PDB file of N, CA and C in Angstrom:
ATOM      1  N   MET A   1       7.336 -17.910   2.924  1.00  0.00           N
ATOM      2  CA  MET A   1       6.611 -16.648   2.935  1.00  0.00           C
ATOM      3  C   MET A   1       6.995 -15.817   4.155  1.00  0.00           C
ATOM      4  N   LYS A   2       7.021 -16.462   5.329  1.00  0.00           N
ATOM      5  CA  LYS A   2       7.349 -15.748   6.559  1.00  0.00           C
ATOM      6  C   LYS A   2       8.769 -15.183   6.494  1.00  0.00           C
ATOM      7  N   LEU A   3       9.696 -15.968   5.965  1.00  0.00           N
ATOM      8  CA  LEU A   3      11.081 -15.521   5.847  1.00  0.00           C
ATOM      9  C   LEU A   3      11.170 -14.342   4.883  1.00  0.00           C
ATOM     10  N   SER A   4      10.466 -14.420   3.771  1.00  0.00           N
ATOM     11  CA  SER A   4      10.480 -13.340   2.787  1.00  0.00           C
ATOM     12  C   SER A   4       9.878 -12.064   3.357  1.00  0.00           C
ATOM     13  N   LEU A   5       8.824 -12.210   4.154  1.00  0.00           N
ATOM     14  CA  LEU A   5       8.183 -11.049   4.765  1.00  0.00           C
ATOM     15  C   LEU A   5       9.118 -10.356   5.749  1.00  0.00           C
ATOM     16  N   SER A   6       9.807 -11.132   6.553  1.00  0.00           N
ATOM     17  CA  SER A   6      10.740 -10.524   7.508  1.00  0.00           C
ATOM     18  C   SER A   6      11.929  -9.903   6.781  1.00  0.00           C
ATOM     19  N   ARG A   7      12.357 -10.534   5.699  1.00  0.00           N
ATOM     20  CA  ARG A   7      13.443  -9.948   4.895  1.00  0.00           C
ATOM     21  C   ARG A   7      12.997  -8.627   4.284  1.00  0.00           C
ATOM     22  N   ALA A   8      11.748  -8.559   3.858  1.00  0.00           N
ATOM     23  CA  ALA A   8      11.228  -7.328   3.253  1.00  0.00           C
ATOM     24  C   ALA A   8      11.189  -6.201   4.277  1.00  0.00           C
ATOM     25  N   PHE A   9      10.743  -6.490   5.490  1.00  0.00           N
ATOM     26  CA  PHE A   9      10.664  -5.437   6.510  1.00  0.00           C
ATOM     27  C   PHE A   9      12.047  -4.995   6.969  1.00  0.00           C
ATOM     28  N   ARG A  10      13.057  -5.842   6.780  1.00  0.00           N
ATOM     29  CA  ARG A  10      14.431  -5.425   7.087  1.00  0.00           C
ATOM     30  C   ARG A  10      15.099  -4.749   5.893  1.00  0.00           C
ATOM     31  N   GLY A  11      14.429  -4.731   4.731  1.00  0.00           N
ATOM     32  CA  GLY A  11      14.988  -4.098   3.535  1.00  0.00           C
ATOM     33  C   GLY A  11      15.973  -4.977   2.798  1.00  0.00           C
ATOM     34  N   GLU A  12      15.873  -6.290   2.983  1.00  0.00           N
ATOM     35  CA  GLU A  12      16.829  -7.217   2.376  1.00  0.00           C
ATOM     36  C   GLU A  12      16.284  -7.961   1.165  1.00  0.00           C
ATOM     37  N   GLU A  13      14.999  -7.833   0.910  1.00  0.00           N
ATOM     38  CA  GLU A  13      14.373  -8.563  -0.195  1.00  0.00           C
ATOM     39  C   GLU A  13      14.531  -7.783  -1.495  1.00  0.00           C
ATOM     40  N   LYS A  14      14.453  -8.478  -2.619  1.00  0.00           N
ATOM     41  CA  LYS A  14      14.491  -7.815  -3.929  1.00  0.00           C
ATOM     42  C   LYS A  14      13.232  -6.951  -4.082  1.00  0.00           C
ATOM     43  N   LEU A  15      13.405  -5.775  -4.680  1.00  0.00           N
ATOM     44  CA  LEU A  15      12.287  -4.857  -4.848  1.00  0.00           C
ATOM     45  C   LEU A  15      11.156  -5.486  -5.651  1.00  0.00           C
ATOM     46  N   TRP A  16      11.481  -6.203  -6.706  1.00  0.00           N
ATOM     47  CA  TRP A  16      10.422  -6.736  -7.560  1.00  0.00           C
ATOM     48  C   TRP A  16       9.521  -7.691  -6.785  1.00  0.00           C
ATOM     49  N   LYS A  17      10.043  -8.421  -5.834  1.00  0.00           N
ATOM     50  CA  LYS A  17       9.220  -9.344  -5.054  1.00  0.00           C
ATOM     51  C   LYS A  17       8.260  -8.581  -4.149  1.00  0.00           C
ATOM     52  N   VAL A  18       8.765  -7.528  -3.519  1.00  0.00           N
ATOM     53  CA  VAL A  18       7.916  -6.721  -2.639  1.00  0.00           C
ATOM     54  C   VAL A  18       6.906  -5.933  -3.466  1.00  0.00           C
ATOM     55  N   TRP A  19       7.357  -5.385  -4.587  1.00  0.00           N
ATOM     56  CA  TRP A  19       6.508  -4.537  -5.416  1.00  0.00           C
ATOM     57  C   TRP A  19       5.352  -5.332  -6.011  1.00  0.00           C
ATOM     58  N   TRP A  20       5.655  -6.437  -6.666  1.00  0.00           N
ATOM     59  CA  TRP A  20       4.614  -7.197  -7.345  1.00  0.00           C
ATOM     60  C   TRP A  20       3.883  -8.143  -6.406  1.00  0.00           C
ATOM     61  N   GLY A  21       4.596  -8.780  -5.514  1.00  0.00           N
ATOM     62  CA  GLY A  21       3.950  -9.693  -4.581  1.00  0.00           C
ATOM     63  C   GLY A  21       3.044  -8.976  -3.608  1.00  0.00           C
ATOM     64  N   GLY A  22       3.586  -7.959  -2.957  1.00  0.00           N
ATOM     65  CA  GLY A  22       2.797  -7.201  -1.989  1.00  0.00           C
ATOM     66  C   GLY A  22       1.902  -6.175  -2.635  1.00  0.00           C
ATOM     67  N   GLY A  23       2.369  -5.560  -3.695  1.00  0.00           N
ATOM     68  CA  GLY A  23       1.624  -4.484  -4.334  1.00  0.00           C
ATOM     69  C   GLY A  23       0.296  -4.932  -4.922  1.00  0.00           C
ATOM     70  N   VAL A  24       0.281  -6.097  -5.523  1.00  0.00           N
ATOM     71  CA  VAL A  24      -0.968  -6.610  -6.095  1.00  0.00           C
ATOM     72  C   VAL A  24      -1.965  -6.887  -4.967  1.00  0.00           C
ATOM     73  N   LEU A  25      -1.486  -7.476  -3.897  1.00  0.00           N
ATOM     74  CA  LEU A  25      -2.351  -7.750  -2.752  1.00  0.00           C
ATOM     75  C   LEU A  25      -2.888  -6.448  -2.143  1.00  0.00           C
ATOM     76  N   VAL A  26      -2.015  -5.456  -2.003  1.00  0.00           N
ATOM     77  CA  VAL A  26      -2.429  -4.154  -1.463  1.00  0.00           C
ATOM     78  C   VAL A  26      -3.468  -3.500  -2.377  1.00  0.00           C
ATOM     79  N   ALA A  27      -3.289  -3.602  -3.682  1.00  0.00           N
ATOM     80  CA  ALA A  27      -4.252  -3.020  -4.616  1.00  0.00           C
ATOM     81  C   ALA A  27      -5.621  -3.682  -4.485  1.00  0.00           C
ATOM     82  N   LEU A  28      -5.646  -4.999  -4.340  1.00  0.00           N
ATOM     83  CA  LEU A  28      -6.920  -5.704  -4.183  1.00  0.00           C
ATOM     84  C   LEU A  28      -7.614  -5.326  -2.873  1.00  0.00           C
ATOM     85  N   ILE A  29      -6.849  -5.286  -1.799  1.00  0.00           N
ATOM     86  CA  ILE A  29      -7.416  -4.913  -0.500  1.00  0.00           C
ATOM     87  C   ILE A  29      -7.900  -3.461  -0.523  1.00  0.00           C
ATOM     88  N   SER A  30      -7.111  -2.582  -1.126  1.00  0.00           N
ATOM     89  CA  SER A  30      -7.497  -1.167  -1.213  1.00  0.00           C
ATOM     90  C   SER A  30      -8.774  -0.991  -2.022  1.00  0.00           C
ATOM     91  N   ALA A  31      -8.885  -1.716  -3.115  1.00  0.00           N
ATOM     92  CA  ALA A  31     -10.098  -1.629  -3.931  1.00  0.00           C
ATOM     93  C   ALA A  31     -11.310  -2.107  -3.134  1.00  0.00           C
ATOM     94  N   ALA A  32     -11.156  -3.207  -2.418  1.00  0.00           N
ATOM     95  CA  ALA A  32     -12.267  -3.731  -1.612  1.00  0.00           C
ATOM     96  C   ALA A  32     -12.667  -2.750  -0.515  1.00  0.00           C
ATOM     97  N   LEU A  33     -11.680  -2.141   0.129  1.00  0.00           N
ATOM     98  CA  LEU A  33     -11.980  -1.173   1.187  1.00  0.00           C
ATOM     99  C   LEU A  33     -12.618   0.099   0.634  1.00  0.00           C
ATOM    100  N   THR A  34     -12.203   0.525  -0.551  1.00  0.00           N
ATOM    101  CA  THR A  34     -12.806   1.698  -1.180  1.00  0.00           C
ATOM    102  C   THR A  34     -14.269   1.429  -1.515  1.00  0.00           C
ATOM    103  N   ILE A  35     -14.533   0.274  -2.095  1.00  0.00           N
ATOM    104  CA  ILE A  35     -15.916  -0.093  -2.429  1.00  0.00           C
ATOM    105  C   ILE A  35     -16.749  -0.197  -1.157  1.00  0.00           C
ATOM    106  N   ALA A  36     -16.186  -0.832  -0.125  1.00  0.00           N
ATOM    107  CA  ALA A  36     -16.908  -0.963   1.149  1.00  0.00           C
ATOM    108  C   ALA A  36     -17.211   0.401   1.745  1.00  0.00           C
ATOM    109  N   ALA A  37     -16.247   1.312   1.703  1.00  0.00           N
ATOM    110  CA  ALA A  37     -16.453   2.650   2.267  1.00  0.00           C
ATOM    111  C   ALA A  37     -17.594   3.364   1.559  1.00  0.00           C
ATOM    112  N   GLU A  38     -17.617   3.291   0.253  1.00  0.00           N
ATOM    113  CA  GLU A  38     -18.673   3.986  -0.501  1.00  0.00           C
ATOM    114  C   GLU A  38     -20.030   3.318  -0.298  1.00  0.00           C
ATOM    115  N   GLN A  39     -20.049   2.003  -0.206  1.00  0.00           N
ATOM    116  CA  GLN A  39     -21.302   1.294   0.048  1.00  0.00           C
ATOM    117  C   GLN A  39     -21.862   1.664   1.421  1.00  0.00           C
ATOM    118  N   VAL A  40     -20.989   1.715   2.414  1.00  0.00           N
ATOM    119  CA  VAL A  40     -21.422   2.046   3.773  1.00  0.00           C
ATOM    120  C   VAL A  40     -21.920   3.486   3.823  1.00  0.00           C
ATOM    121  N   ARG A  41     -21.225   4.390   3.160  1.00  0.00           N
ATOM    122  CA  ARG A  41     -21.663   5.795   3.154  1.00  0.00           C
ATOM    123  C   ARG A  41     -23.030   5.942   2.497  1.00  0.00           C
ATOM    124  N   GLY A  42     -23.346   5.058   1.558  1.00  0.00           N
ATOM    125  CA  GLY A  42     -24.641   5.104   0.889  1.00  0.00           C
ATOM    126  C   GLY A  42     -25.800   4.718   1.797  1.00  0.00           C
ATOM    127  N   LEU A  43     -25.500   4.152   2.950  1.00  0.00           N
ATOM    128  CA  LEU A  43     -26.556   3.756   3.883  1.00  0.00           C
ATOM    129  C   LEU A  43     -27.156   4.943   4.634  1.00  0.00           C
ATOM    130  N   GLY A  44     -26.440   6.055   4.633  1.00  0.00           N
ATOM    131  CA  GLY A  44     -26.955   7.240   5.308  1.00  0.00           C
ATOM    132  C   GLY A  44     -25.920   7.876   6.209  1.00  0.00           C
ATOM    133  N   PRO A  45     -26.242   9.071   6.710  1.00  0.00           N
ATOM    134  CA  PRO A  45     -25.282   9.812   7.535  1.00  0.00           C
ATOM    135  C   PRO A  45     -24.847   9.064   8.797  1.00  0.00           C
ATOM    136  N   TRP A  46     -25.696   8.218   9.342  1.00  0.00           N
ATOM    137  CA  TRP A  46     -25.341   7.488  10.564  1.00  0.00           C
ATOM    138  C   TRP A  46     -24.182   6.518  10.327  1.00  0.00           C
ATOM    139  N   ALA A  47     -23.926   6.126   9.061  1.00  0.00           N
ATOM    140  CA  ALA A  47     -22.888   5.133   8.761  1.00  0.00           C
ATOM    141  C   ALA A  47     -21.610   5.756   8.208  1.00  0.00           C
ATOM    142  N   TRP A  48     -21.556   7.070   8.083  1.00  0.00           N
ATOM    143  CA  TRP A  48     -20.391   7.695   7.485  1.00  0.00           C
ATOM    144  C   TRP A  48     -19.123   7.426   8.275  1.00  0.00           C
ATOM    145  N   GLY A  49     -19.222   7.316   9.575  1.00  0.00           N
ATOM    146  CA  GLY A  49     -18.034   7.019  10.382  1.00  0.00           C
ATOM    147  C   GLY A  49     -17.414   5.683  10.009  1.00  0.00           C
ATOM    148  N   TRP A  50     -18.258   4.703   9.645  1.00  0.00           N
ATOM    149  CA  TRP A  50     -17.733   3.400   9.225  1.00  0.00           C
ATOM    150  C   TRP A  50     -17.043   3.507   7.871  1.00  0.00           C
ATOM    151  N   GLY A  51     -17.538   4.376   7.020  1.00  0.00           N
ATOM    152  CA  GLY A  51     -16.864   4.620   5.738  1.00  0.00           C
ATOM    153  C   GLY A  51     -15.495   5.235   5.961  1.00  0.00           C
ATOM    154  N   ASP A  52     -15.438   6.175   6.907  1.00  0.00           N
ATOM    155  CA  ASP A  52     -14.144   6.777   7.241  1.00  0.00           C
ATOM    156  C   ASP A  52     -13.195   5.739   7.830  1.00  0.00           C
ATOM    157  N   ALA A  53     -13.733   4.811   8.603  1.00  0.00           N
ATOM    158  CA  ALA A  53     -12.900   3.746   9.177  1.00  0.00           C
ATOM    159  C   ALA A  53     -12.328   2.866   8.066  1.00  0.00           C
ATOM    160  N   CYS A  54     -13.119   2.595   7.039  1.00  0.00           N
ATOM    161  CA  CYS A  54     -12.617   1.825   5.892  1.00  0.00           C
ATOM    162  C   CYS A  54     -11.501   2.588   5.182  1.00  0.00           C
ATOM    163  N   ASP A  55     -11.670   3.911   5.045  1.00  0.00           N
ATOM    164  CA  ASP A  55     -10.626   4.727   4.418  1.00  0.00           C
ATOM    165  C   ASP A  55      -9.347   4.721   5.248  1.00  0.00           C
ATOM    166  N   ALA A  56      -9.484   4.795   6.563  1.00  0.00           N
ATOM    167  CA  ALA A  56      -8.307   4.757   7.442  1.00  0.00           C
ATOM    168  C   ALA A  56      -7.616   3.400   7.338  1.00  0.00           C
ATOM    169  N   ALA A  57      -8.395   2.337   7.284  1.00  0.00           N
ATOM    170  CA  ALA A  57      -7.814   0.992   7.146  1.00  0.00           C
ATOM    171  C   ALA A  57      -7.068   0.864   5.821  1.00  0.00           C
ATOM    172  N   ARG A  58      -7.635   1.463   4.771  1.00  0.00           N
ATOM    173  CA  ARG A  58      -6.967   1.434   3.459  1.00  0.00           C
ATOM    174  C   ARG A  58      -5.616   2.134   3.527  1.00  0.00           C
ATOM    175  N   LEU A  59      -5.563   3.259   4.228  1.00  0.00           N
ATOM    176  CA  LEU A  59      -4.302   3.987   4.378  1.00  0.00           C
ATOM    177  C   LEU A  59      -3.296   3.181   5.192  1.00  0.00           C
ATOM    178  N   VAL A  60      -3.748   2.523   6.236  1.00  0.00           N
ATOM    179  CA  VAL A  60      -2.862   1.693   7.055  1.00  0.00           C
ATOM    180  C   VAL A  60      -2.285   0.549   6.219  1.00  0.00           C
ATOM    181  N   VAL A  61      -3.126  -0.088   5.402  1.00  0.00           N
ATOM    182  CA  VAL A  61      -2.665  -1.181   4.538  1.00  0.00           C
ATOM    183  C   VAL A  61      -1.609  -0.666   3.574  1.00  0.00           C
ATOM    184  N   TYR A  62      -1.847   0.502   2.974  1.00  0.00           N
ATOM    185  CA  TYR A  62      -0.881   1.059   2.020  1.00  0.00           C
ATOM    186  C   TYR A  62       0.455   1.368   2.699  1.00  0.00           C
ATOM    187  N   VAL A  63       0.404   1.995   3.863  1.00  0.00           N
ATOM    188  CA  VAL A  63       1.644   2.354   4.575  1.00  0.00           C
ATOM    189  C   VAL A  63       2.388   1.096   5.019  1.00  0.00           C
ATOM    190  N   ALA A  64       1.648   0.058   5.395  1.00  0.00           N
ATOM    191  CA  ALA A  64       2.287  -1.201   5.795  1.00  0.00           C
ATOM    192  C   ALA A  64       3.043  -1.824   4.634  1.00  0.00           C
ATOM    193  N   TRP A  65       2.620  -1.571   3.416  1.00  0.00           N
ATOM    194  CA  TRP A  65       3.347  -2.052   2.241  1.00  0.00           C
ATOM    195  C   TRP A  65       4.418  -1.048   1.810  1.00  0.00           C
ATOM    196  N   LEU A  66       4.125   0.243   1.961  1.00  0.00           N
ATOM    197  CA  LEU A  66       5.074   1.279   1.554  1.00  0.00           C
ATOM    198  C   LEU A  66       6.405   1.146   2.288  1.00  0.00           C
ATOM    199  N   LEU A  67       6.365   0.884   3.582  1.00  0.00           N
ATOM    200  CA  LEU A  67       7.605   0.839   4.369  1.00  0.00           C
ATOM    201  C   LEU A  67       8.581  -0.223   3.872  1.00  0.00           C
ATOM    202  N   PRO A  68       8.174  -1.483   3.724  1.00  0.00           N
ATOM    203  CA  PRO A  68       9.145  -2.453   3.200  1.00  0.00           C
ATOM    204  C   PRO A  68       9.510  -2.182   1.743  1.00  0.00           C
ATOM    205  N   ALA A  69       8.566  -1.687   0.948  1.00  0.00           N
ATOM    206  CA  ALA A  69       8.897  -1.376  -0.445  1.00  0.00           C
ATOM    207  C   ALA A  69       9.947  -0.266  -0.514  1.00  0.00           C
ATOM    208  N   TRP A  70       9.813   0.742   0.344  1.00  0.00           N
ATOM    209  CA  TRP A  70      10.793   1.830   0.388  1.00  0.00           C
ATOM    210  C   TRP A  70      12.162   1.291   0.805  1.00  0.00           C
ATOM    211  N   ARG A  71      12.167   0.460   1.842  1.00  0.00           N
ATOM    212  CA  ARG A  71      13.436  -0.098   2.331  1.00  0.00           C
ATOM    213  C   ARG A  71      14.107  -0.985   1.297  1.00  0.00           C
ATOM    214  N   CYS A  72      13.311  -1.683   0.498  1.00  0.00           N
ATOM    215  CA  CYS A  72      13.863  -2.602  -0.502  1.00  0.00           C
ATOM    216  C   CYS A  72      14.124  -1.926  -1.845  1.00  0.00           C
ATOM    217  N   SER A  73      13.822  -0.643  -1.958  1.00  0.00           N
ATOM    218  CA  SER A  73      13.938   0.029  -3.258  1.00  0.00           C
ATOM    219  C   SER A  73      15.371   0.108  -3.777  1.00  0.00           C
ATOM    220  N   ARG A  74      16.337  -0.122  -2.927  1.00  0.00           N
ATOM    221  CA  ARG A  74      17.740  -0.118  -3.387  1.00  0.00           C
ATOM    222  C   ARG A  74      18.204  -1.488  -3.862  1.00  0.00           C
ATOM    223  N   ASN A  75      17.378  -2.491  -3.661  1.00  0.00           N
ATOM    224  CA  ASN A  75      17.749  -3.850  -4.052  1.00  0.00           C
ATOM    225  C   ASN A  75      17.298  -4.146  -5.480  1.00  0.00           C
ATOM    226  N   VAL A  76      17.945  -3.436  -6.407  1.00  0.00           N
ATOM    227  CA  VAL A  76      17.622  -3.555  -7.830  1.00  0.00           C
ATOM    228  C   VAL A  76      18.916  -3.694  -8.622  1.00  0.00           C
ATOM    229  N   ARG A  77      18.808  -4.226  -9.820  1.00  0.00           N
ATOM    230  CA  ARG A  77      19.996  -4.343 -10.683  1.00  0.00           C
ATOM    231  C   ARG A  77      20.374  -2.994 -11.293  1.00  0.00           C
ATOM    232  N   ARG A  78      19.351  -2.251 -11.715  1.00  0.00           N
ATOM    233  CA  ARG A  78      19.602  -0.946 -12.332  1.00  0.00           C
ATOM    234  C   ARG A  78      19.205   0.145 -11.360  1.00  0.00           C
ATOM    235  N   VAL A  79      20.132   1.025 -11.089  1.00  0.00           N
ATOM    236  CA  VAL A  79      19.969   2.074 -10.077  1.00  0.00           C
ATOM    237  C   VAL A  79      18.817   3.025 -10.383  1.00  0.00           C
ATOM    238  N   VAL A  80      18.410   3.133 -11.619  1.00  0.00           N
ATOM    239  CA  VAL A  80      17.336   4.053 -12.005  1.00  0.00           C
ATOM    240  C   VAL A  80      16.011   3.672 -11.347  1.00  0.00           C
ATOM    241  N   TRP A  81      15.838   2.397 -10.969  1.00  0.00           N
ATOM    242  CA  TRP A  81      14.576   1.956 -10.382  1.00  0.00           C
ATOM    243  C   TRP A  81      14.370   2.474  -8.965  1.00  0.00           C
ATOM    244  N   THR A  82      15.433   2.778  -8.259  1.00  0.00           N
ATOM    245  CA  THR A  82      15.291   3.257  -6.880  1.00  0.00           C
ATOM    246  C   THR A  82      14.509   4.569  -6.811  1.00  0.00           C
ATOM    247  N   PRO A  83      14.930   5.628  -7.511  1.00  0.00           N
ATOM    248  CA  PRO A  83      14.144   6.866  -7.422  1.00  0.00           C
ATOM    249  C   PRO A  83      12.769   6.740  -8.064  1.00  0.00           C
ATOM    250  N   LEU A  84      12.639   5.937  -9.114  1.00  0.00           N
ATOM    251  CA  LEU A  84      11.321   5.758  -9.735  1.00  0.00           C
ATOM    252  C   LEU A  84      10.356   5.054  -8.784  1.00  0.00           C
ATOM    253  N   ALA A  85      10.840   4.042  -8.107  1.00  0.00           N
ATOM    254  CA  ALA A  85       9.989   3.325  -7.145  1.00  0.00           C
ATOM    255  C   ALA A  85       9.596   4.247  -5.997  1.00  0.00           C
ATOM    256  N   ARG A  86      10.538   4.989  -5.484  1.00  0.00           N
ATOM    257  CA  ARG A  86      10.238   5.884  -4.369  1.00  0.00           C
ATOM    258  C   ARG A  86       9.279   6.989  -4.777  1.00  0.00           C
ATOM    259  N   LEU A  87       9.433   7.509  -5.980  1.00  0.00           N
ATOM    260  CA  LEU A  87       8.508   8.523  -6.484  1.00  0.00           C
ATOM    261  C   LEU A  87       7.097   7.944  -6.617  1.00  0.00           C
ATOM    262  N   ALA A  88       6.990   6.736  -7.147  1.00  0.00           N
ATOM    263  CA  ALA A  88       5.685   6.088  -7.277  1.00  0.00           C
ATOM    264  C   ALA A  88       5.065   5.808  -5.906  1.00  0.00           C
ATOM    265  N   LEU A  89       5.886   5.411  -4.939  1.00  0.00           N
ATOM    266  CA  LEU A  89       5.381   5.171  -3.581  1.00  0.00           C
ATOM    267  C   LEU A  89       4.846   6.449  -2.950  1.00  0.00           C
ATOM    268  N   LEU A  90       5.582   7.539  -3.103  1.00  0.00           N
ATOM    269  CA  LEU A  90       5.127   8.817  -2.560  1.00  0.00           C
ATOM    270  C   LEU A  90       3.870   9.312  -3.253  1.00  0.00           C
ATOM    271  N   ALA A  91       3.811   9.155  -4.575  1.00  0.00           N
ATOM    272  CA  ALA A  91       2.612   9.561  -5.321  1.00  0.00           C
ATOM    273  C   ALA A  91       1.409   8.742  -4.854  1.00  0.00           C
ATOM    274  N   GLY A  92       1.620   7.449  -4.651  1.00  0.00           N
ATOM    275  CA  GLY A  92       0.538   6.606  -4.160  1.00  0.00           C
ATOM    276  C   GLY A  92       0.067   7.022  -2.773  1.00  0.00           C
ATOM    277  N   LEU A  93       1.002   7.420  -1.933  1.00  0.00           N
ATOM    278  CA  LEU A  93       0.645   7.877  -0.579  1.00  0.00           C
ATOM    279  C   LEU A  93      -0.190   9.156  -0.664  1.00  0.00           C
ATOM    280  N   VAL A  94       0.243  10.089  -1.473  1.00  0.00           N
ATOM    281  CA  VAL A  94      -0.498  11.349  -1.633  1.00  0.00           C
ATOM    282  C   VAL A  94      -1.904  11.074  -2.154  1.00  0.00           C
ATOM    283  N   LEU A  95      -2.024  10.204  -3.155  1.00  0.00           N
ATOM    284  CA  LEU A  95      -3.340   9.887  -3.694  1.00  0.00           C
ATOM    285  C   LEU A  95      -4.204   9.137  -2.682  1.00  0.00           C
ATOM    286  N   SER A  96      -3.592   8.285  -1.882  1.00  0.00           N
ATOM    287  CA  SER A  96      -4.351   7.564  -0.854  1.00  0.00           C
ATOM    288  C   SER A  96      -4.910   8.522   0.193  1.00  0.00           C
ATOM    289  N   VAL A  97      -4.136   9.531   0.536  1.00  0.00           N
ATOM    290  CA  VAL A  97      -4.601  10.506   1.512  1.00  0.00           C
ATOM    291  C   VAL A  97      -5.675  11.412   0.904  1.00  0.00           C
ATOM    292  N   MET A  98      -5.496  11.795  -0.341  1.00  0.00           N
ATOM    293  CA  MET A  98      -6.440  12.722  -0.982  1.00  0.00           C
ATOM    294  C   MET A  98      -7.795  12.073  -1.287  1.00  0.00           C
ATOM    295  N   PHE A  99      -7.757  10.844  -1.706  1.00  0.00           N
ATOM    296  CA  PHE A  99      -9.005  10.203  -2.144  1.00  0.00           C
ATOM    297  C   PHE A  99      -9.281   9.052  -1.248  1.00  0.00           C
TER     298      PHE A  99
END
């Protein structure tokens, strides 16, 4: 796992491993942080800052996965996956910032 993680951050890992291995984990963490943020905001105005902190953490988690996924996006058999993966990564970033 440690070797694969370092390979991913250097852009040497296969895209599918980073996309599915890391992406599923990022989706679960993001969902948990989104739920936590909304639950905390429901406690009242005094807790809204903690909800914002959960949103910031969610963005940090996404960017931490986006960087190796972007670097590994060229490690595919069919070249068409590189621009599709990068487009999906950028769309995900925009949606993470907006919501």
